[in-house]
Amino acid sequence: MARPISASEAREVGVLVQQWVNSKGYRLPHRTLQEAAESIGTDSVKLHRYCINSLRMDFRAWRTSLRIEDAKKLLMEEPALPSSQIARMVGVKDRSNFFRQFTEITGSSPDKWRQDHAKK
């Protein structure tokens, strides 16, 4: 388990993380925690501790959940766009990884999810 993050560090990193989320920084295809931390404006140790202690999940799982939530919105807002294009838009370059991640989180494939949630 990661060493607990101090309250001041959590506030500092929390502000940076929220700015990153608001700017959709999670869409950037960073490969490592270090790259993401640099883009957020902190170091990887603080970001890791923030995710584990404040978000209760590791960075990759959290970033994946952000991407899938974003993809769900795009699936509804852009019904003509193929799921593979939406995957790229939210930062997942590999179509099969996107479909696997989406299915694990939502319980259905992106196309089935779109169909089930289409406005009738």
PDB file of N, CA and C in Angstrom:
ATOM      1  N   MET A   1       0.848  -1.188   0.000  1.00  0.00           N
ATOM      2  CA  MET A   1       0.000   0.000   0.000  1.00  0.00           C
ATOM      3  C   MET A   1       0.886   1.242   0.000  1.00  0.00           C
ATOM      4  N   ALA A   2       0.446   2.227  -0.724  1.00  0.00           N
ATOM      5  CA  ALA A   2       1.202   3.482  -0.806  1.00  0.00           C
ATOM      6  C   ALA A   2       1.145   4.212   0.530  1.00  0.00           C
ATOM      7  N   ARG A   3       2.240   4.873   0.843  1.00  0.00           N
ATOM      8  CA  ARG A   3       2.288   5.706   2.046  1.00  0.00           C
ATOM      9  C   ARG A   3       1.159   6.737   1.943  1.00  0.00           C
ATOM     10  N   PRO A   4       0.445   6.980   3.035  1.00  0.00           N
ATOM     11  CA  PRO A   4      -0.638   7.967   2.977  1.00  0.00           C
ATOM     12  C   PRO A   4      -0.124   9.326   2.505  1.00  0.00           C
ATOM     13  N   ILE A   5      -0.965   9.998   1.776  1.00  0.00           N
ATOM     14  CA  ILE A   5      -0.633  11.330   1.279  1.00  0.00           C
ATOM     15  C   ILE A   5      -1.089  12.341   2.336  1.00  0.00           C
ATOM     16  N   SER A   6      -0.294  13.370   2.562  1.00  0.00           N
ATOM     17  CA  SER A   6      -0.680  14.383   3.545  1.00  0.00           C
ATOM     18  C   SER A   6      -1.874  15.180   3.014  1.00  0.00           C
ATOM     19  N   ALA A   7      -2.575  15.809   3.907  1.00  0.00           N
ATOM     20  CA  ALA A   7      -3.745  16.605   3.516  1.00  0.00           C
ATOM     21  C   ALA A   7      -3.353  17.721   2.563  1.00  0.00           C
ATOM     22  N   SER A   8      -2.222  18.361   2.812  1.00  0.00           N
ATOM     23  CA  SER A   8      -1.803  19.464   1.934  1.00  0.00           C
ATOM     24  C   SER A   8      -1.402  18.930   0.554  1.00  0.00           C
ATOM     25  N   GLU A   9      -0.722  17.785   0.521  1.00  0.00           N
ATOM     26  CA  GLU A   9      -0.367  17.189  -0.767  1.00  0.00           C
ATOM     27  C   GLU A   9      -1.627  16.768  -1.522  1.00  0.00           C
ATOM     28  N   ALA A  10      -2.586  16.202  -0.815  1.00  0.00           N
ATOM     29  CA  ALA A  10      -3.835  15.764  -1.450  1.00  0.00           C
ATOM     30  C   ALA A  10      -4.579  16.954  -2.056  1.00  0.00           C
ATOM     31  N   ARG A  11      -4.621  18.066  -1.341  1.00  0.00           N
ATOM     32  CA  ARG A  11      -5.276  19.265  -1.886  1.00  0.00           C
ATOM     33  C   ARG A  11      -4.542  19.770  -3.120  1.00  0.00           C
ATOM     34  N   GLU A  12      -3.225  19.838  -3.020  1.00  0.00           N
ATOM     35  CA  GLU A  12      -2.399  20.325  -4.128  1.00  0.00           C
ATOM     36  C   GLU A  12      -2.574  19.443  -5.368  1.00  0.00           C
ATOM     37  N   VAL A  13      -2.425  18.154  -5.187  1.00  0.00           N
ATOM     38  CA  VAL A  13      -2.553  17.234  -6.322  1.00  0.00           C
ATOM     39  C   VAL A  13      -4.002  17.189  -6.805  1.00  0.00           C
ATOM     40  N   GLY A  14      -4.943  17.259  -5.877  1.00  0.00           N
ATOM     41  CA  GLY A  14      -6.362  17.237  -6.255  1.00  0.00           C
ATOM     42  C   GLY A  14      -6.740  18.372  -7.187  1.00  0.00           C
ATOM     43  N   VAL A  15      -6.220  19.563  -6.929  1.00  0.00           N
ATOM     44  CA  VAL A  15      -6.486  20.717  -7.799  1.00  0.00           C
ATOM     45  C   VAL A  15      -5.901  20.460  -9.189  1.00  0.00           C
ATOM     46  N   LEU A  16      -4.680  19.974  -9.234  1.00  0.00           N
ATOM     47  CA  LEU A  16      -4.027  19.696 -10.527  1.00  0.00           C
ATOM     48  C   LEU A  16      -4.766  18.601 -11.291  1.00  0.00           C
ATOM     49  N   VAL A  17      -5.174  17.579 -10.575  1.00  0.00           N
ATOM     50  CA  VAL A  17      -5.896  16.468 -11.205  1.00  0.00           C
ATOM     51  C   VAL A  17      -7.231  16.960 -11.755  1.00  0.00           C
ATOM     52  N   GLN A  18      -7.940  17.778 -10.994  1.00  0.00           N
ATOM     53  CA  GLN A  18      -9.232  18.289 -11.464  1.00  0.00           C
ATOM     54  C   GLN A  18      -9.070  19.145 -12.718  1.00  0.00           C
ATOM     55  N   GLN A  19      -8.036  19.960 -12.760  1.00  0.00           N
ATOM     56  CA  GLN A  19      -7.763  20.748 -13.966  1.00  0.00           C
ATOM     57  C   GLN A  19      -7.483  19.830 -15.152  1.00  0.00           C
ATOM     58  N   TRP A  20      -6.734  18.773 -14.903  1.00  0.00           N
ATOM     59  CA  TRP A  20      -6.387  17.799 -15.947  1.00  0.00           C
ATOM     60  C   TRP A  20      -7.640  17.101 -16.459  1.00  0.00           C
ATOM     61  N   VAL A  21      -8.536  16.721 -15.539  1.00  0.00           N
ATOM     62  CA  VAL A  21      -9.797  16.088 -15.935  1.00  0.00           C
ATOM     63  C   VAL A  21     -10.646  17.072 -16.730  1.00  0.00           C
ATOM     64  N   ASN A  22     -10.780  18.306 -16.251  1.00  0.00           N
ATOM     65  CA  ASN A  22     -11.596  19.310 -16.938  1.00  0.00           C
ATOM     66  C   ASN A  22     -11.090  19.594 -18.351  1.00  0.00           C
ATOM     67  N   SER A  23      -9.785  19.517 -18.530  1.00  0.00           N
ATOM     68  CA  SER A  23      -9.211  19.761 -19.859  1.00  0.00           C
ATOM     69  C   SER A  23      -9.146  18.480 -20.701  1.00  0.00           C
ATOM     70  N   LYS A  24      -9.695  17.399 -20.157  1.00  0.00           N
ATOM     71  CA  LYS A  24      -9.712  16.092 -20.817  1.00  0.00           C
ATOM     72  C   LYS A  24      -8.299  15.566 -21.099  1.00  0.00           C
ATOM     73  N   GLY A  25      -7.388  15.838 -20.170  1.00  0.00           N
ATOM     74  CA  GLY A  25      -6.021  15.355 -20.293  1.00  0.00           C
ATOM     75  C   GLY A  25      -5.921  13.848 -20.340  1.00  0.00           C
ATOM     76  N   TYR A  26      -6.926  13.167 -19.789  1.00  0.00           N
ATOM     77  CA  TYR A  26      -6.935  11.705 -19.810  1.00  0.00           C
ATOM     78  C   TYR A  26      -7.075  11.148 -21.224  1.00  0.00           C
ATOM     79  N   ARG A  27      -7.464  11.990 -22.162  1.00  0.00           N
ATOM     80  CA  ARG A  27      -7.549  11.547 -23.554  1.00  0.00           C
ATOM     81  C   ARG A  27      -6.174  11.400 -24.208  1.00  0.00           C
ATOM     82  N   LEU A  28      -5.166  12.029 -23.634  1.00  0.00           N
ATOM     83  CA  LEU A  28      -3.818  11.909 -24.191  1.00  0.00           C
ATOM     84  C   LEU A  28      -3.314  10.494 -23.956  1.00  0.00           C
ATOM     85  N   PRO A  29      -2.731   9.902 -24.958  1.00  0.00           N
ATOM     86  CA  PRO A  29      -2.326   8.498 -24.836  1.00  0.00           C
ATOM     87  C   PRO A  29      -1.006   8.300 -24.082  1.00  0.00           C
ATOM     88  N   HIS A  30      -0.936   8.812 -22.850  1.00  0.00           N
ATOM     89  CA  HIS A  30       0.267   8.598 -22.044  1.00  0.00           C
ATOM     90  C   HIS A  30       0.418   7.112 -21.762  1.00  0.00           C
ATOM     91  N   ARG A  31       1.636   6.663 -21.790  1.00  0.00           N
ATOM     92  CA  ARG A  31       1.894   5.255 -21.554  1.00  0.00           C
ATOM     93  C   ARG A  31       2.315   4.963 -20.125  1.00  0.00           C
ATOM     94  N   THR A  32       2.866   5.948 -19.438  1.00  0.00           N
ATOM     95  CA  THR A  32       3.361   5.702 -18.093  1.00  0.00           C
ATOM     96  C   THR A  32       2.779   6.696 -17.105  1.00  0.00           C
ATOM     97  N   LEU A  33       2.815   6.313 -15.839  1.00  0.00           N
ATOM     98  CA  LEU A  33       2.398   7.206 -14.770  1.00  0.00           C
ATOM     99  C   LEU A  33       3.270   8.458 -14.773  1.00  0.00           C
ATOM    100  N   GLN A  34       4.550   8.287 -15.043  1.00  0.00           N
ATOM    101  CA  GLN A  34       5.489   9.418 -15.081  1.00  0.00           C
ATOM    102  C   GLN A  34       5.068  10.446 -16.133  1.00  0.00           C
ATOM    103  N   GLU A  35       4.740   9.991 -17.339  1.00  0.00           N
ATOM    104  CA  GLU A  35       4.315  10.910 -18.404  1.00  0.00           C
ATOM    105  C   GLU A  35       3.043  11.649 -18.013  1.00  0.00           C
ATOM    106  N   ALA A  36       2.104  10.925 -17.431  1.00  0.00           N
ATOM    107  CA  ALA A  36       0.853  11.556 -17.013  1.00  0.00           C
ATOM    108  C   ALA A  36       1.104  12.566 -15.901  1.00  0.00           C
ATOM    109  N   ALA A  37       1.938  12.204 -14.930  1.00  0.00           N
ATOM    110  CA  ALA A  37       2.250  13.111 -13.820  1.00  0.00           C
ATOM    111  C   ALA A  37       2.867  14.404 -14.343  1.00  0.00           C
ATOM    112  N   GLU A  38       3.790  14.273 -15.291  1.00  0.00           N
ATOM    113  CA  GLU A  38       4.410  15.466 -15.869  1.00  0.00           C
ATOM    114  C   GLU A  38       3.371  16.349 -16.546  1.00  0.00           C
ATOM    115  N   SER A  39       2.422  15.732 -17.257  1.00  0.00           N
ATOM    116  CA  SER A  39       1.406  16.539 -17.934  1.00  0.00           C
ATOM    117  C   SER A  39       0.445  17.177 -16.932  1.00  0.00           C
ATOM    118  N   ILE A  40       0.235  16.539 -15.784  1.00  0.00           N
ATOM    119  CA  ILE A  40      -0.629  17.083 -14.741  1.00  0.00           C
ATOM    120  C   ILE A  40       0.077  18.210 -14.000  1.00  0.00           C
ATOM    121  N   GLY A  41       1.394  18.095 -13.884  1.00  0.00           N
ATOM    122  CA  GLY A  41       2.165  19.120 -13.190  1.00  0.00           C
ATOM    123  C   GLY A  41       2.611  18.697 -11.806  1.00  0.00           C
ATOM    124  N   THR A  42       2.782  17.404 -11.618  1.00  0.00           N
ATOM    125  CA  THR A  42       3.242  16.887 -10.333  1.00  0.00           C
ATOM    126  C   THR A  42       4.244  15.778 -10.597  1.00  0.00           C
ATOM    127  N   ASP A  43       4.691  15.116  -9.531  1.00  0.00           N
ATOM    128  CA  ASP A  43       5.596  13.988  -9.750  1.00  0.00           C
ATOM    129  C   ASP A  43       4.822  12.680  -9.606  1.00  0.00           C
ATOM    130  N   SER A  44       5.394  11.622 -10.119  1.00  0.00           N
ATOM    131  CA  SER A  44       4.689  10.346 -10.188  1.00  0.00           C
ATOM    132  C   SER A  44       4.400   9.756  -8.811  1.00  0.00           C
ATOM    133  N   VAL A  45       5.260   9.994  -7.838  1.00  0.00           N
ATOM    134  CA  VAL A  45       5.018   9.464  -6.488  1.00  0.00           C
ATOM    135  C   VAL A  45       3.778  10.113  -5.875  1.00  0.00           C
ATOM    136  N   LYS A  46       3.684  11.434  -5.975  1.00  0.00           N
ATOM    137  CA  LYS A  46       2.513  12.129  -5.429  1.00  0.00           C
ATOM    138  C   LYS A  46       1.239  11.705  -6.155  1.00  0.00           C
ATOM    139  N   LEU A  47       1.313  11.590  -7.466  1.00  0.00           N
ATOM    140  CA  LEU A  47       0.125  11.185  -8.222  1.00  0.00           C
ATOM    141  C   LEU A  47      -0.298   9.776  -7.840  1.00  0.00           C
ATOM    142  N   HIS A  48       0.661   8.883  -7.728  1.00  0.00           N
ATOM    143  CA  HIS A  48       0.346   7.505  -7.337  1.00  0.00           C
ATOM    144  C   HIS A  48      -0.315   7.476  -5.955  1.00  0.00           C
ATOM    145  N   ARG A  49       0.272   8.184  -4.998  1.00  0.00           N
ATOM    146  CA  ARG A  49      -0.282   8.189  -3.640  1.00  0.00           C
ATOM    147  C   ARG A  49      -1.670   8.836  -3.619  1.00  0.00           C
ATOM    148  N   TYR A  50      -1.852   9.883  -4.404  1.00  0.00           N
ATOM    149  CA  TYR A  50      -3.171  10.522  -4.480  1.00  0.00           C
ATOM    150  C   TYR A  50      -4.217   9.538  -5.002  1.00  0.00           C
ATOM    151  N   CYS A  51      -3.888   8.853  -6.071  1.00  0.00           N
ATOM    152  CA  CYS A  51      -4.844   7.902  -6.655  1.00  0.00           C
ATOM    153  C   CYS A  51      -5.197   6.795  -5.669  1.00  0.00           C
ATOM    154  N   ILE A  52      -4.192   6.198  -5.055  1.00  0.00           N
ATOM    155  CA  ILE A  52      -4.439   5.091  -4.140  1.00  0.00           C
ATOM    156  C   ILE A  52      -5.194   5.546  -2.899  1.00  0.00           C
ATOM    157  N   ASN A  53      -4.757   6.637  -2.306  1.00  0.00           N
ATOM    158  CA  ASN A  53      -5.339   7.068  -1.030  1.00  0.00           C
ATOM    159  C   ASN A  53      -6.616   7.888  -1.174  1.00  0.00           C
ATOM    160  N   SER A  54      -6.727   8.704  -2.203  1.00  0.00           N
ATOM    161  CA  SER A  54      -7.898   9.565  -2.352  1.00  0.00           C
ATOM    162  C   SER A  54      -8.947   8.978  -3.290  1.00  0.00           C
ATOM    163  N   LEU A  55      -8.508   8.347  -4.365  1.00  0.00           N
ATOM    164  CA  LEU A  55      -9.449   7.801  -5.340  1.00  0.00           C
ATOM    165  C   LEU A  55      -9.729   6.317  -5.116  1.00  0.00           C
ATOM    166  N   ARG A  56      -8.897   5.693  -4.309  1.00  0.00           N
ATOM    167  CA  ARG A  56      -9.032   4.271  -3.964  1.00  0.00           C
ATOM    168  C   ARG A  56      -8.855   3.338  -5.149  1.00  0.00           C
ATOM    169  N   MET A  57      -8.036   3.753  -6.094  1.00  0.00           N
ATOM    170  CA  MET A  57      -7.673   2.889  -7.219  1.00  0.00           C
ATOM    171  C   MET A  57      -6.366   3.387  -7.802  1.00  0.00           C
ATOM    172  N   ASP A  58      -5.709   2.540  -8.566  1.00  0.00           N
ATOM    173  CA  ASP A  58      -4.459   2.992  -9.167  1.00  0.00           C
ATOM    174  C   ASP A  58      -4.751   3.914 -10.351  1.00  0.00           C
ATOM    175  N   PHE A  59      -3.722   4.606 -10.792  1.00  0.00           N
ATOM    176  CA  PHE A  59      -3.879   5.611 -11.839  1.00  0.00           C
ATOM    177  C   PHE A  59      -4.483   5.019 -13.113  1.00  0.00           C
ATOM    178  N   ARG A  60      -3.963   3.879 -13.540  1.00  0.00           N
ATOM    179  CA  ARG A  60      -4.444   3.301 -14.800  1.00  0.00           C
ATOM    180  C   ARG A  60      -5.931   2.967 -14.744  1.00  0.00           C
ATOM    181  N   ALA A  61      -6.374   2.383 -13.643  1.00  0.00           N
ATOM    182  CA  ALA A  61      -7.796   2.047 -13.504  1.00  0.00           C
ATOM    183  C   ALA A  61      -8.647   3.316 -13.499  1.00  0.00           C
ATOM    184  N   TRP A  62      -8.175   4.347 -12.800  1.00  0.00           N
ATOM    185  CA  TRP A  62      -8.919   5.606 -12.755  1.00  0.00           C
ATOM    186  C   TRP A  62      -8.991   6.248 -14.134  1.00  0.00           C
ATOM    187  N   ARG A  63      -7.847   6.306 -14.823  1.00  0.00           N
ATOM    188  CA  ARG A  63      -7.829   6.901 -16.165  1.00  0.00           C
ATOM    189  C   ARG A  63      -8.736   6.107 -17.106  1.00  0.00           C
ATOM    190  N   THR A  64      -8.718   4.793 -17.003  1.00  0.00           N
ATOM    191  CA  THR A  64      -9.603   3.970 -17.836  1.00  0.00           C
ATOM    192  C   THR A  64     -11.058   4.296 -17.547  1.00  0.00           C
ATOM    193  N   SER A  65     -11.415   4.451 -16.272  1.00  0.00           N
ATOM    194  CA  SER A  65     -12.810   4.772 -15.943  1.00  0.00           C
ATOM    195  C   SER A  65     -13.212   6.131 -16.509  1.00  0.00           C
ATOM    196  N   LEU A  66     -12.295   7.110 -16.476  1.00  0.00           N
ATOM    197  CA  LEU A  66     -12.587   8.416 -17.081  1.00  0.00           C
ATOM    198  C   LEU A  66     -12.816   8.275 -18.582  1.00  0.00           C
ATOM    199  N   ARG A  67     -11.969   7.512 -19.226  1.00  0.00           N
ATOM    200  CA  ARG A  67     -12.089   7.321 -20.675  1.00  0.00           C
ATOM    201  C   ARG A  67     -13.392   6.624 -21.037  1.00  0.00           C
ATOM    202  N   ILE A  68     -13.786   5.632 -20.271  1.00  0.00           N
ATOM    203  CA  ILE A  68     -15.026   4.910 -20.585  1.00  0.00           C
ATOM    204  C   ILE A  68     -16.238   5.814 -20.360  1.00  0.00           C
ATOM    205  N   GLU A  69     -16.231   6.600 -19.295  1.00  0.00           N
ATOM    206  CA  GLU A  69     -17.342   7.549 -19.076  1.00  0.00           C
ATOM    207  C   GLU A  69     -17.425   8.554 -20.221  1.00  0.00           C
ATOM    208  N   ASP A  70     -16.286   9.030 -20.673  1.00  0.00           N
ATOM    209  CA  ASP A  70     -16.235   9.956 -21.807  1.00  0.00           C
ATOM    210  C   ASP A  70     -16.763   9.259 -23.063  1.00  0.00           C
ATOM    211  N   ALA A  71     -16.346   8.028 -23.268  1.00  0.00           N
ATOM    212  CA  ALA A  71     -16.795   7.270 -24.447  1.00  0.00           C
ATOM    213  C   ALA A  71     -18.307   7.068 -24.422  1.00  0.00           C
ATOM    214  N   LYS A  72     -18.868   6.805 -23.254  1.00  0.00           N
ATOM    215  CA  LYS A  72     -20.316   6.628 -23.150  1.00  0.00           C
ATOM    216  C   LYS A  72     -21.046   7.895 -23.595  1.00  0.00           C
ATOM    217  N   LYS A  73     -20.551   9.048 -23.176  1.00  0.00           N
ATOM    218  CA  LYS A  73     -21.166  10.312 -23.607  1.00  0.00           C
ATOM    219  C   LYS A  73     -21.060  10.477 -25.118  1.00  0.00           C
ATOM    220  N   LEU A  74     -19.881  10.195 -25.665  1.00  0.00           N
ATOM    221  CA  LEU A  74     -19.685  10.340 -27.113  1.00  0.00           C
ATOM    222  C   LEU A  74     -20.523   9.351 -27.904  1.00  0.00           C
ATOM    223  N   LEU A  75     -20.699   8.158 -27.385  1.00  0.00           N
ATOM    224  CA  LEU A  75     -21.543   7.167 -28.071  1.00  0.00           C
ATOM    225  C   LEU A  75     -22.962   7.703 -28.237  1.00  0.00           C
ATOM    226  N   MET A  76     -23.440   8.448 -27.249  1.00  0.00           N
ATOM    227  CA  MET A  76     -24.787   8.997 -27.328  1.00  0.00           C
ATOM    228  C   MET A  76     -24.835  10.279 -28.160  1.00  0.00           C
ATOM    229  N   GLU A  77     -23.810  11.121 -28.019  1.00  0.00           N
ATOM    230  CA  GLU A  77     -23.804  12.411 -28.714  1.00  0.00           C
ATOM    231  C   GLU A  77     -23.470  12.291 -30.188  1.00  0.00           C
ATOM    232  N   GLU A  78     -22.721  11.262 -30.548  1.00  0.00           N
ATOM    233  CA  GLU A  78     -22.258  11.076 -31.926  1.00  0.00           C
ATOM    234  C   GLU A  78     -22.656   9.686 -32.442  1.00  0.00           C
ATOM    235  N   PRO A  79     -23.955   9.457 -32.659  1.00  0.00           N
ATOM    236  CA  PRO A  79     -24.411   8.114 -33.026  1.00  0.00           C
ATOM    237  C   PRO A  79     -23.862   7.598 -34.358  1.00  0.00           C
ATOM    238  N   ALA A  80     -23.393   8.485 -35.217  1.00  0.00           N
ATOM    239  CA  ALA A  80     -22.868   8.044 -36.511  1.00  0.00           C
ATOM    240  C   ALA A  80     -21.396   7.620 -36.442  1.00  0.00           C
ATOM    241  N   LEU A  81     -20.710   7.987 -35.362  1.00  0.00           N
ATOM    242  CA  LEU A  81     -19.292   7.643 -35.254  1.00  0.00           C
ATOM    243  C   LEU A  81     -19.122   6.188 -34.845  1.00  0.00           C
ATOM    244  N   PRO A  82     -18.244   5.475 -35.529  1.00  0.00           N
ATOM    245  CA  PRO A  82     -17.980   4.089 -35.117  1.00  0.00           C
ATOM    246  C   PRO A  82     -17.275   4.044 -33.757  1.00  0.00           C
ATOM    247  N   SER A  83     -17.497   2.983 -33.042  1.00  0.00           N
ATOM    248  CA  SER A  83     -16.897   2.812 -31.716  1.00  0.00           C
ATOM    249  C   SER A  83     -15.380   2.893 -31.763  1.00  0.00           C
ATOM    250  N   SER A  84     -14.781   2.387 -32.810  1.00  0.00           N
ATOM    251  CA  SER A  84     -13.317   2.419 -32.910  1.00  0.00           C
ATOM    252  C   SER A  84     -12.806   3.860 -32.997  1.00  0.00           C
ATOM    253  N   GLN A  85     -13.546   4.735 -33.638  1.00  0.00           N
ATOM    254  CA  GLN A  85     -13.145   6.143 -33.707  1.00  0.00           C
ATOM    255  C   GLN A  85     -13.318   6.815 -32.343  1.00  0.00           C
ATOM    256  N   ILE A  86     -14.377   6.483 -31.655  1.00  0.00           N
ATOM    257  CA  ILE A  86     -14.582   7.022 -30.315  1.00  0.00           C
ATOM    258  C   ILE A  86     -13.463   6.553 -29.397  1.00  0.00           C
ATOM    259  N   ALA A  87     -13.038   5.313 -29.544  1.00  0.00           N
ATOM    260  CA  ALA A  87     -11.918   4.794 -28.740  1.00  0.00           C
ATOM    261  C   ALA A  87     -10.691   5.675 -28.922  1.00  0.00           C
ATOM    262  N   ARG A  88     -10.373   5.993 -30.147  1.00  0.00           N
ATOM    263  CA  ARG A  88      -9.209   6.858 -30.421  1.00  0.00           C
ATOM    264  C   ARG A  88      -9.413   8.251 -29.842  1.00  0.00           C
ATOM    265  N   MET A  89     -10.631   8.764 -29.923  1.00  0.00           N
ATOM    266  CA  MET A  89     -10.923  10.108 -29.416  1.00  0.00           C
ATOM    267  C   MET A  89     -10.693  10.206 -27.914  1.00  0.00           C
ATOM    268  N   VAL A  90     -10.971   9.128 -27.179  1.00  0.00           N
ATOM    269  CA  VAL A  90     -10.814   9.165 -25.722  1.00  0.00           C
ATOM    270  C   VAL A  90      -9.431   8.698 -25.277  1.00  0.00           C
ATOM    271  N   GLY A  91      -8.550   8.402 -26.225  1.00  0.00           N
ATOM    272  CA  GLY A  91      -7.165   8.092 -25.882  1.00  0.00           C
ATOM    273  C   GLY A  91      -6.778   6.636 -25.892  1.00  0.00           C
ATOM    274  N   VAL A  92      -7.651   5.773 -26.402  1.00  0.00           N
ATOM    275  CA  VAL A  92      -7.326   4.344 -26.477  1.00  0.00           C
ATOM    276  C   VAL A  92      -7.065   4.009 -27.940  1.00  0.00           C
ATOM    277  N   LYS A  93      -5.819   3.740 -28.255  1.00  0.00           N
ATOM    278  CA  LYS A  93      -5.457   3.512 -29.653  1.00  0.00           C
ATOM    279  C   LYS A  93      -5.801   2.111 -30.136  1.00  0.00           C
ATOM    280  N   ASP A  94      -5.784   1.146 -29.241  1.00  0.00           N
ATOM    281  CA  ASP A  94      -6.026  -0.234 -29.625  1.00  0.00           C
ATOM    282  C   ASP A  94      -7.507  -0.578 -29.459  1.00  0.00           C
ATOM    283  N   ARG A  95      -8.159  -0.886 -30.558  1.00  0.00           N
ATOM    284  CA  ARG A  95      -9.595  -1.153 -30.573  1.00  0.00           C
ATOM    285  C   ARG A  95      -9.962  -2.300 -29.633  1.00  0.00           C
ATOM    286  N   SER A  96      -9.189  -3.378 -29.650  1.00  0.00           N
ATOM    287  CA  SER A  96      -9.533  -4.526 -28.813  1.00  0.00           C
ATOM    288  C   SER A  96      -9.411  -4.194 -27.329  1.00  0.00           C
ATOM    289  N   ASN A  97      -8.410  -3.398 -26.949  1.00  0.00           N
ATOM    290  CA  ASN A  97      -8.300  -2.975 -25.548  1.00  0.00           C
ATOM    291  C   ASN A  97      -9.505  -2.139 -25.150  1.00  0.00           C
ATOM    292  N   PHE A  98      -9.923  -1.241 -26.023  1.00  0.00           N
ATOM    293  CA  PHE A  98     -11.082  -0.413 -25.730  1.00  0.00           C
ATOM    294  C   PHE A  98     -12.322  -1.271 -25.521  1.00  0.00           C
ATOM    295  N   PHE A  99     -12.559  -2.204 -26.426  1.00  0.00           N
ATOM    296  CA  PHE A  99     -13.745  -3.051 -26.319  1.00  0.00           C
ATOM    297  C   PHE A  99     -13.695  -3.889 -25.037  1.00  0.00           C
ATOM    298  N   ARG A 100     -12.519  -4.404 -24.690  1.00  0.00           N
ATOM    299  CA  ARG A 100     -12.369  -5.203 -23.472  1.00  0.00           C
ATOM    300  C   ARG A 100     -12.622  -4.342 -22.240  1.00  0.00           C
ATOM    301  N   GLN A 101     -11.999  -3.161 -22.182  1.00  0.00           N
ATOM    302  CA  GLN A 101     -12.166  -2.272 -21.039  1.00  0.00           C
ATOM    303  C   GLN A 101     -13.619  -1.804 -20.903  1.00  0.00           C
ATOM    304  N   PHE A 102     -14.212  -1.439 -22.015  1.00  0.00           N
ATOM    305  CA  PHE A 102     -15.593  -0.965 -22.000  1.00  0.00           C
ATOM    306  C   PHE A 102     -16.517  -2.065 -21.477  1.00  0.00           C
ATOM    307  N   THR A 103     -16.319  -3.274 -21.967  1.00  0.00           N
ATOM    308  CA  THR A 103     -17.160  -4.399 -21.556  1.00  0.00           C
ATOM    309  C   THR A 103     -16.966  -4.723 -20.081  1.00  0.00           C
ATOM    310  N   GLU A 104     -15.728  -4.681 -19.594  1.00  0.00           N
ATOM    311  CA  GLU A 104     -15.469  -4.951 -18.177  1.00  0.00           C
ATOM    312  C   GLU A 104     -16.169  -3.944 -17.277  1.00  0.00           C
ATOM    313  N   ILE A 105     -16.197  -2.691 -17.683  1.00  0.00           N
ATOM    314  CA  ILE A 105     -16.769  -1.635 -16.845  1.00  0.00           C
ATOM    315  C   ILE A 105     -18.287  -1.558 -16.966  1.00  0.00           C
ATOM    316  N   THR A 106     -18.812  -1.709 -18.178  1.00  0.00           N
ATOM    317  CA  THR A 106     -20.249  -1.505 -18.384  1.00  0.00           C
ATOM    318  C   THR A 106     -21.059  -2.796 -18.466  1.00  0.00           C
ATOM    319  N   GLY A 107     -20.389  -3.898 -18.751  1.00  0.00           N
ATOM    320  CA  GLY A 107     -21.105  -5.167 -18.899  1.00  0.00           C
ATOM    321  C   GLY A 107     -21.563  -5.449 -20.310  1.00  0.00           C
ATOM    322  N   SER A 108     -21.281  -4.536 -21.234  1.00  0.00           N
ATOM    323  CA  SER A 108     -21.630  -4.799 -22.630  1.00  0.00           C
ATOM    324  C   SER A 108     -20.642  -4.094 -23.555  1.00  0.00           C
ATOM    325  N   SER A 109     -20.648  -4.498 -24.805  1.00  0.00           N
ATOM    326  CA  SER A 109     -19.760  -3.881 -25.787  1.00  0.00           C
ATOM    327  C   SER A 109     -20.220  -2.446 -26.043  1.00  0.00           C
ATOM    328  N   PRO A 110     -19.344  -1.611 -26.600  1.00  0.00           N
ATOM    329  CA  PRO A 110     -19.757  -0.231 -26.903  1.00  0.00           C
ATOM    330  C   PRO A 110     -20.981  -0.162 -27.824  1.00  0.00           C
ATOM    331  N   ASP A 111     -20.995  -0.987 -28.845  1.00  0.00           N
ATOM    332  CA  ASP A 111     -22.118  -0.947 -29.786  1.00  0.00           C
ATOM    333  C   ASP A 111     -23.416  -1.394 -29.127  1.00  0.00           C
ATOM    334  N   LYS A 112     -23.350  -2.438 -28.314  1.00  0.00           N
ATOM    335  CA  LYS A 112     -24.541  -2.925 -27.603  1.00  0.00           C
ATOM    336  C   LYS A 112     -24.984  -1.879 -26.579  1.00  0.00           C
ATOM    337  N   TRP A 113     -24.038  -1.268 -25.882  1.00  0.00           N
ATOM    338  CA  TRP A 113     -24.357  -0.234 -24.909  1.00  0.00           C
ATOM    339  C   TRP A 113     -25.065   0.932 -25.591  1.00  0.00           C
ATOM    340  N   ARG A 114     -24.534   1.356 -26.721  1.00  0.00           N
ATOM    341  CA  ARG A 114     -25.142   2.471 -27.488  1.00  0.00           C
ATOM    342  C   ARG A 114     -26.583   2.108 -27.876  1.00  0.00           C
ATOM    343  N   GLN A 115     -26.735   0.915 -28.380  1.00  0.00           N
ATOM    344  CA  GLN A 115     -28.069   0.455 -28.809  1.00  0.00           C
ATOM    345  C   GLN A 115     -29.038   0.438 -27.620  1.00  0.00           C
ATOM    346  N   ASP A 116     -28.590  -0.083 -26.498  1.00  0.00           N
ATOM    347  CA  ASP A 116     -29.440  -0.187 -25.316  1.00  0.00           C
ATOM    348  C   ASP A 116     -29.792   1.167 -24.706  1.00  0.00           C
ATOM    349  N   HIS A 117     -28.924   2.163 -24.901  1.00  0.00           N
ATOM    350  CA  HIS A 117     -29.128   3.465 -24.278  1.00  0.00           C
ATOM    351  C   HIS A 117     -29.548   4.551 -25.270  1.00  0.00           C
ATOM    352  N   ALA A 118     -29.815   4.193 -26.496  1.00  0.00           N
ATOM    353  CA  ALA A 118     -30.245   5.159 -27.507  1.00  0.00           C
ATOM    354  C   ALA A 118     -31.586   5.760 -27.093  1.00  0.00           C
ATOM    355  N   LYS A 119     -31.711   7.037 -27.333  1.00  0.00           N
ATOM    356  CA  LYS A 119     -32.981   7.708 -27.029  1.00  0.00           C
ATOM    357  C   LYS A 119     -34.062   7.168 -27.965  1.00  0.00           C
ATOM    358  N   LYS A 120     -35.141   6.782 -27.376  1.00  0.00           N
ATOM    359  CA  LYS A 120     -36.211   6.178 -28.176  1.00  0.00           C
ATOM    360  C   LYS A 120     -37.353   7.130 -28.351  1.00  0.00           C
TER     361      LYS A 120
END
